[in-house]
């Protein structure tokens, strides 16, 4: 049920490895089984941030509970920076705690 969407202006060469590493990170941060984690990647997405088009990244992190933005922000930013080389000050993260009744899998909502 955790969903991590990564949009970046650069091309990610090893997409499958990046997706796998993201999935493992999300599972660790949320303490939820990796079998329920979904990661989406949108690379080479044109973006304009802080008045220029230098490499940047937007991360959208949704989950039913288990989010702690103040504790997760640094680790996610550092992870993204280390994985794809975008400076931490060029990364935005949006956290969203989803109500279980608004999230569905396998034809049923979680709540």
N, C-alpha and C. Protein backbone atom coordinates (compact mmCIF):
# COMPACT_ATOMS: atom_id res chain seq x y z
N UNK A 1 0.79 -1.20 0.00
CA UNK A 1 0.00 0.00 0.00
C UNK A 1 0.83 1.26 0.00
N UNK A 2 2.08 1.26 0.48
CA UNK A 2 2.88 2.47 0.29
C UNK A 2 3.18 2.67 -1.19
N UNK A 3 3.10 3.91 -1.62
CA UNK A 3 3.40 4.27 -3.02
C UNK A 3 4.42 5.38 -3.02
N UNK A 4 5.53 5.15 -3.70
CA UNK A 4 6.55 6.16 -3.88
C UNK A 4 6.62 6.48 -5.37
N UNK A 5 6.35 7.73 -5.71
CA UNK A 5 6.46 8.19 -7.10
C UNK A 5 7.62 9.16 -7.18
N UNK A 6 8.53 8.90 -8.09
CA UNK A 6 9.71 9.73 -8.27
C UNK A 6 9.68 10.32 -9.66
N UNK A 7 9.65 11.65 -9.74
CA UNK A 7 9.72 12.36 -11.01
C UNK A 7 11.02 13.15 -11.02
N UNK A 8 11.81 12.95 -12.05
CA UNK A 8 13.08 13.65 -12.13
C UNK A 8 13.36 14.12 -13.55
N UNK A 9 14.11 15.18 -13.64
CA UNK A 9 14.42 15.75 -14.95
C UNK A 9 15.54 15.01 -15.65
N UNK A 10 16.25 14.16 -14.94
CA UNK A 10 17.37 13.44 -15.55
C UNK A 10 16.95 12.04 -15.99
N UNK A 11 17.79 11.43 -16.80
CA UNK A 11 17.55 10.05 -17.22
C UNK A 11 18.18 9.10 -16.20
N UNK A 12 17.43 8.11 -15.79
CA UNK A 12 17.94 7.08 -14.89
C UNK A 12 18.36 5.89 -15.75
N UNK A 13 19.63 5.58 -15.75
CA UNK A 13 20.14 4.51 -16.62
C UNK A 13 19.77 3.12 -16.13
N UNK A 14 19.91 2.88 -14.86
CA UNK A 14 19.60 1.55 -14.31
C UNK A 14 18.26 1.62 -13.58
N UNK A 15 17.20 1.73 -14.36
CA UNK A 15 15.85 1.92 -13.81
C UNK A 15 15.43 0.78 -12.88
N UNK A 16 15.63 -0.45 -13.30
CA UNK A 16 15.19 -1.59 -12.49
C UNK A 16 15.89 -1.63 -11.14
N UNK A 17 17.17 -1.35 -11.12
CA UNK A 17 17.91 -1.33 -9.86
C UNK A 17 17.43 -0.18 -8.97
N UNK A 18 17.21 0.98 -9.57
CA UNK A 18 16.71 2.13 -8.81
C UNK A 18 15.35 1.82 -8.21
N UNK A 19 14.44 1.23 -8.99
CA UNK A 19 13.11 0.88 -8.49
C UNK A 19 13.20 -0.12 -7.34
N UNK A 20 14.06 -1.11 -7.49
CA UNK A 20 14.23 -2.13 -6.44
C UNK A 20 14.76 -1.48 -5.15
N UNK A 21 15.77 -0.62 -5.29
CA UNK A 21 16.34 0.05 -4.12
C UNK A 21 15.31 0.95 -3.43
N UNK A 22 14.49 1.63 -4.22
CA UNK A 22 13.42 2.47 -3.66
C UNK A 22 12.42 1.62 -2.89
N UNK A 23 12.03 0.49 -3.46
CA UNK A 23 11.07 -0.40 -2.82
C UNK A 23 11.59 -0.88 -1.47
N UNK A 24 12.85 -1.24 -1.42
CA UNK A 24 13.45 -1.70 -0.16
C UNK A 24 13.47 -0.58 0.87
N UNK A 25 13.78 0.64 0.43
CA UNK A 25 13.80 1.78 1.33
C UNK A 25 12.41 2.05 1.90
N UNK A 26 11.39 2.05 1.05
CA UNK A 26 10.02 2.31 1.49
C UNK A 26 9.57 1.26 2.49
N UNK A 27 9.87 0.01 2.22
CA UNK A 27 9.51 -1.07 3.14
C UNK A 27 10.17 -0.86 4.50
N UNK A 28 11.43 -0.49 4.48
CA UNK A 28 12.16 -0.26 5.73
C UNK A 28 11.58 0.94 6.49
N UNK A 29 11.34 2.04 5.78
CA UNK A 29 10.86 3.26 6.44
C UNK A 29 9.46 3.11 7.03
N UNK A 30 8.60 2.36 6.34
CA UNK A 30 7.21 2.22 6.79
C UNK A 30 6.99 0.98 7.65
N UNK A 31 7.98 0.09 7.67
CA UNK A 31 7.86 -1.18 8.37
C UNK A 31 6.68 -1.99 7.82
N UNK A 32 6.52 -1.92 6.50
CA UNK A 32 5.47 -2.68 5.81
C UNK A 32 6.13 -3.65 4.84
N UNK A 33 5.51 -4.82 4.61
CA UNK A 33 6.12 -5.81 3.71
C UNK A 33 6.33 -5.24 2.31
N UNK A 34 7.47 -5.56 1.75
CA UNK A 34 7.80 -5.06 0.42
C UNK A 34 6.81 -5.53 -0.64
N UNK A 35 6.13 -6.64 -0.39
CA UNK A 35 5.16 -7.15 -1.37
C UNK A 35 3.99 -6.19 -1.58
N UNK A 36 3.79 -5.23 -0.66
CA UNK A 36 2.71 -4.25 -0.80
C UNK A 36 3.21 -2.89 -1.30
N UNK A 37 4.50 -2.75 -1.51
CA UNK A 37 5.08 -1.47 -1.92
C UNK A 37 5.02 -1.33 -3.44
N UNK A 38 4.63 -0.14 -3.90
CA UNK A 38 4.70 0.18 -5.32
C UNK A 38 5.59 1.40 -5.50
N UNK A 39 6.44 1.36 -6.51
CA UNK A 39 7.31 2.48 -6.83
C UNK A 39 7.10 2.82 -8.30
N UNK A 40 6.91 4.11 -8.58
CA UNK A 40 6.77 4.57 -9.97
C UNK A 40 7.90 5.55 -10.26
N UNK A 41 8.41 5.48 -11.47
CA UNK A 41 9.50 6.35 -11.88
C UNK A 41 9.12 7.09 -13.15
N UNK A 42 9.29 8.38 -13.11
CA UNK A 42 9.09 9.23 -14.28
C UNK A 42 10.40 10.00 -14.47
N UNK A 43 11.27 9.48 -15.34
CA UNK A 43 12.52 10.19 -15.56
C UNK A 43 12.42 11.01 -16.85
N UNK A 44 13.37 11.87 -17.03
CA UNK A 44 13.42 12.78 -18.17
C UNK A 44 12.14 13.64 -18.26
N UNK A 45 11.63 14.01 -17.10
CA UNK A 45 10.44 14.87 -17.04
C UNK A 45 10.92 16.32 -16.94
N UNK A 46 10.67 17.11 -17.95
CA UNK A 46 11.13 18.50 -17.88
C UNK A 46 10.57 19.20 -16.64
N UNK A 47 11.44 19.93 -15.96
CA UNK A 47 10.99 20.67 -14.79
C UNK A 47 11.78 21.97 -14.67
N UNK A 48 11.14 22.90 -14.02
CA UNK A 48 11.72 24.22 -13.77
C UNK A 48 11.56 24.47 -12.28
N UNK A 49 12.67 24.58 -11.57
CA UNK A 49 12.64 24.69 -10.13
C UNK A 49 13.68 25.72 -9.68
N UNK A 50 13.29 26.60 -8.78
CA UNK A 50 14.19 27.63 -8.25
C UNK A 50 14.81 28.47 -9.37
N UNK A 51 13.98 28.80 -10.33
CA UNK A 51 14.32 29.70 -11.43
C UNK A 51 15.33 29.13 -12.43
N UNK A 52 15.46 27.81 -12.49
CA UNK A 52 16.29 27.23 -13.55
C UNK A 52 15.90 25.78 -13.83
N UNK A 53 16.54 25.23 -14.83
CA UNK A 53 16.22 23.86 -15.26
C UNK A 53 17.33 22.87 -14.90
N UNK A 54 18.11 23.17 -13.89
CA UNK A 54 19.12 22.23 -13.41
C UNK A 54 18.41 20.97 -12.94
N UNK A 55 19.12 19.83 -12.90
CA UNK A 55 18.49 18.60 -12.45
C UNK A 55 17.75 18.77 -11.12
N UNK A 56 16.55 18.23 -11.08
CA UNK A 56 15.72 18.31 -9.88
C UNK A 56 14.88 17.04 -9.77
N UNK A 57 14.19 16.92 -8.64
CA UNK A 57 13.41 15.71 -8.39
C UNK A 57 12.22 16.06 -7.49
N UNK A 58 11.07 15.46 -7.80
CA UNK A 58 9.89 15.56 -6.96
C UNK A 58 9.50 14.14 -6.54
N UNK A 59 9.35 13.94 -5.25
CA UNK A 59 9.00 12.63 -4.69
C UNK A 59 7.64 12.76 -4.02
N UNK A 60 6.75 11.87 -4.38
CA UNK A 60 5.41 11.82 -3.79
C UNK A 60 5.32 10.50 -3.02
N UNK A 61 5.13 10.58 -1.71
CA UNK A 61 5.14 9.40 -0.86
C UNK A 61 3.78 9.29 -0.18
N UNK A 62 3.02 8.24 -0.53
CA UNK A 62 1.69 8.02 0.04
C UNK A 62 1.66 6.68 0.75
N UNK A 63 0.91 6.65 1.84
CA UNK A 63 0.77 5.41 2.59
C UNK A 63 -0.44 5.51 3.50
N UNK A 64 -0.94 4.36 3.89
CA UNK A 64 -1.96 4.31 4.93
C UNK A 64 -1.19 4.23 6.25
N UNK A 65 -1.08 5.37 6.90
CA UNK A 65 -0.30 5.42 8.13
C UNK A 65 1.18 5.19 7.87
N UNK A 66 1.94 5.05 8.93
CA UNK A 66 3.37 4.72 8.90
C UNK A 66 4.25 5.81 8.30
N UNK A 67 3.72 7.03 8.14
CA UNK A 67 4.54 8.12 7.62
C UNK A 67 4.96 9.02 8.78
N UNK A 68 6.21 9.40 8.76
CA UNK A 68 6.74 10.36 9.72
C UNK A 68 7.65 11.30 8.95
N UNK A 69 7.06 12.31 8.30
CA UNK A 69 7.83 13.19 7.42
C UNK A 69 9.08 13.79 8.06
N UNK A 70 8.98 14.25 9.30
CA UNK A 70 10.14 14.89 9.91
C UNK A 70 11.31 13.93 10.09
N UNK A 71 11.03 12.65 10.26
CA UNK A 71 12.10 11.66 10.41
C UNK A 71 12.52 11.06 9.08
N UNK A 72 11.63 11.03 8.10
CA UNK A 72 11.91 10.37 6.82
C UNK A 72 12.53 11.29 5.78
N UNK A 73 12.31 12.58 5.90
CA UNK A 73 12.74 13.53 4.87
C UNK A 73 14.23 13.44 4.56
N UNK A 74 15.04 13.49 5.59
CA UNK A 74 16.50 13.47 5.40
C UNK A 74 16.95 12.17 4.75
N UNK A 75 16.42 11.04 5.21
CA UNK A 75 16.85 9.75 4.68
C UNK A 75 16.44 9.59 3.22
N UNK A 76 15.23 10.01 2.88
CA UNK A 76 14.79 9.91 1.48
C UNK A 76 15.60 10.84 0.59
N UNK A 77 15.80 12.07 1.04
CA UNK A 77 16.58 13.04 0.25
C UNK A 77 18.00 12.54 0.02
N UNK A 78 18.62 12.05 1.07
CA UNK A 78 19.98 11.53 0.96
C UNK A 78 20.02 10.32 0.03
N UNK A 79 19.06 9.43 0.16
CA UNK A 79 18.97 8.26 -0.71
C UNK A 79 18.88 8.68 -2.18
N UNK A 80 17.94 9.58 -2.48
CA UNK A 80 17.76 10.03 -3.87
C UNK A 80 19.04 10.69 -4.38
N UNK A 81 19.62 11.55 -3.58
CA UNK A 81 20.85 12.22 -3.97
C UNK A 81 21.96 11.22 -4.27
N UNK A 82 22.13 10.25 -3.40
CA UNK A 82 23.17 9.23 -3.59
C UNK A 82 22.89 8.33 -4.80
N UNK A 83 21.63 8.00 -5.01
CA UNK A 83 21.27 7.08 -6.09
C UNK A 83 21.38 7.73 -7.47
N UNK A 84 20.92 8.98 -7.59
CA UNK A 84 20.86 9.57 -8.93
C UNK A 84 21.62 10.89 -9.08
N UNK A 85 22.25 11.34 -8.00
CA UNK A 85 23.16 12.48 -8.10
C UNK A 85 22.52 13.86 -8.09
N UNK A 86 21.28 13.96 -7.67
CA UNK A 86 20.64 15.27 -7.58
C UNK A 86 20.90 15.84 -6.19
N UNK A 87 21.36 17.09 -6.11
CA UNK A 87 21.61 17.68 -4.79
C UNK A 87 20.34 17.73 -3.94
N UNK A 88 20.51 17.57 -2.65
CA UNK A 88 19.38 17.54 -1.72
C UNK A 88 18.53 18.82 -1.82
N UNK A 89 19.16 19.94 -2.09
CA UNK A 89 18.39 21.18 -2.17
C UNK A 89 17.63 21.33 -3.49
N UNK A 90 17.66 20.29 -4.33
CA UNK A 90 16.91 20.28 -5.58
C UNK A 90 15.84 19.17 -5.55
N UNK A 91 15.51 18.71 -4.34
CA UNK A 91 14.53 17.64 -4.16
C UNK A 91 13.38 18.12 -3.29
N UNK A 92 12.16 17.98 -3.80
CA UNK A 92 10.94 18.22 -3.02
C UNK A 92 10.31 16.86 -2.71
N UNK A 93 9.75 16.75 -1.51
CA UNK A 93 9.04 15.53 -1.13
C UNK A 93 7.66 15.93 -0.59
N UNK A 94 6.63 15.24 -1.06
CA UNK A 94 5.28 15.44 -0.57
C UNK A 94 4.83 14.14 0.11
N UNK A 95 4.46 14.23 1.36
CA UNK A 95 3.97 13.08 2.12
C UNK A 95 2.45 13.17 2.21
N UNK A 96 1.79 12.03 2.03
CA UNK A 96 0.33 12.01 2.16
C UNK A 96 -0.11 10.74 2.86
N UNK A 97 -0.76 10.92 4.00
CA UNK A 97 -1.33 9.80 4.76
C UNK A 97 -2.75 9.58 4.23
N UNK A 98 -2.98 8.43 3.63
CA UNK A 98 -4.25 8.11 2.98
C UNK A 98 -5.15 7.34 3.95
N UNK A 99 -6.41 7.70 3.99
CA UNK A 99 -7.40 6.96 4.78
C UNK A 99 -7.58 5.57 4.16
N UNK A 100 -7.61 4.55 4.97
CA UNK A 100 -7.71 3.16 4.48
C UNK A 100 -8.94 2.94 3.61
N UNK A 101 -10.00 3.68 3.84
CA UNK A 101 -11.21 3.51 3.03
C UNK A 101 -11.06 4.14 1.65
N UNK A 102 -9.99 4.90 1.43
CA UNK A 102 -9.74 5.53 0.13
C UNK A 102 -8.65 4.84 -0.67
N UNK A 103 -8.22 3.66 -0.22
CA UNK A 103 -7.15 2.94 -0.92
C UNK A 103 -7.64 1.52 -1.16
N UNK A 104 -7.54 1.09 -2.41
CA UNK A 104 -8.06 -0.23 -2.78
C UNK A 104 -6.96 -1.08 -3.41
N UNK A 105 -7.05 -2.38 -3.18
CA UNK A 105 -6.16 -3.36 -3.80
C UNK A 105 -6.96 -4.66 -3.92
N UNK A 106 -6.77 -5.32 -5.02
CA UNK A 106 -7.40 -6.62 -5.23
C UNK A 106 -8.92 -6.52 -5.14
N UNK A 107 -9.46 -5.38 -5.59
CA UNK A 107 -10.92 -5.20 -5.64
C UNK A 107 -11.58 -4.78 -4.35
N UNK A 108 -10.78 -4.52 -3.29
CA UNK A 108 -11.34 -4.13 -2.01
C UNK A 108 -10.54 -3.01 -1.37
N UNK A 109 -11.22 -2.15 -0.63
CA UNK A 109 -10.50 -1.13 0.10
C UNK A 109 -9.86 -1.76 1.34
N UNK A 110 -8.85 -1.07 1.87
CA UNK A 110 -8.17 -1.55 3.06
C UNK A 110 -8.96 -1.27 4.34
N UNK A 111 -9.95 -0.39 4.24
CA UNK A 111 -10.71 -0.06 5.45
C UNK A 111 -12.15 0.23 5.16
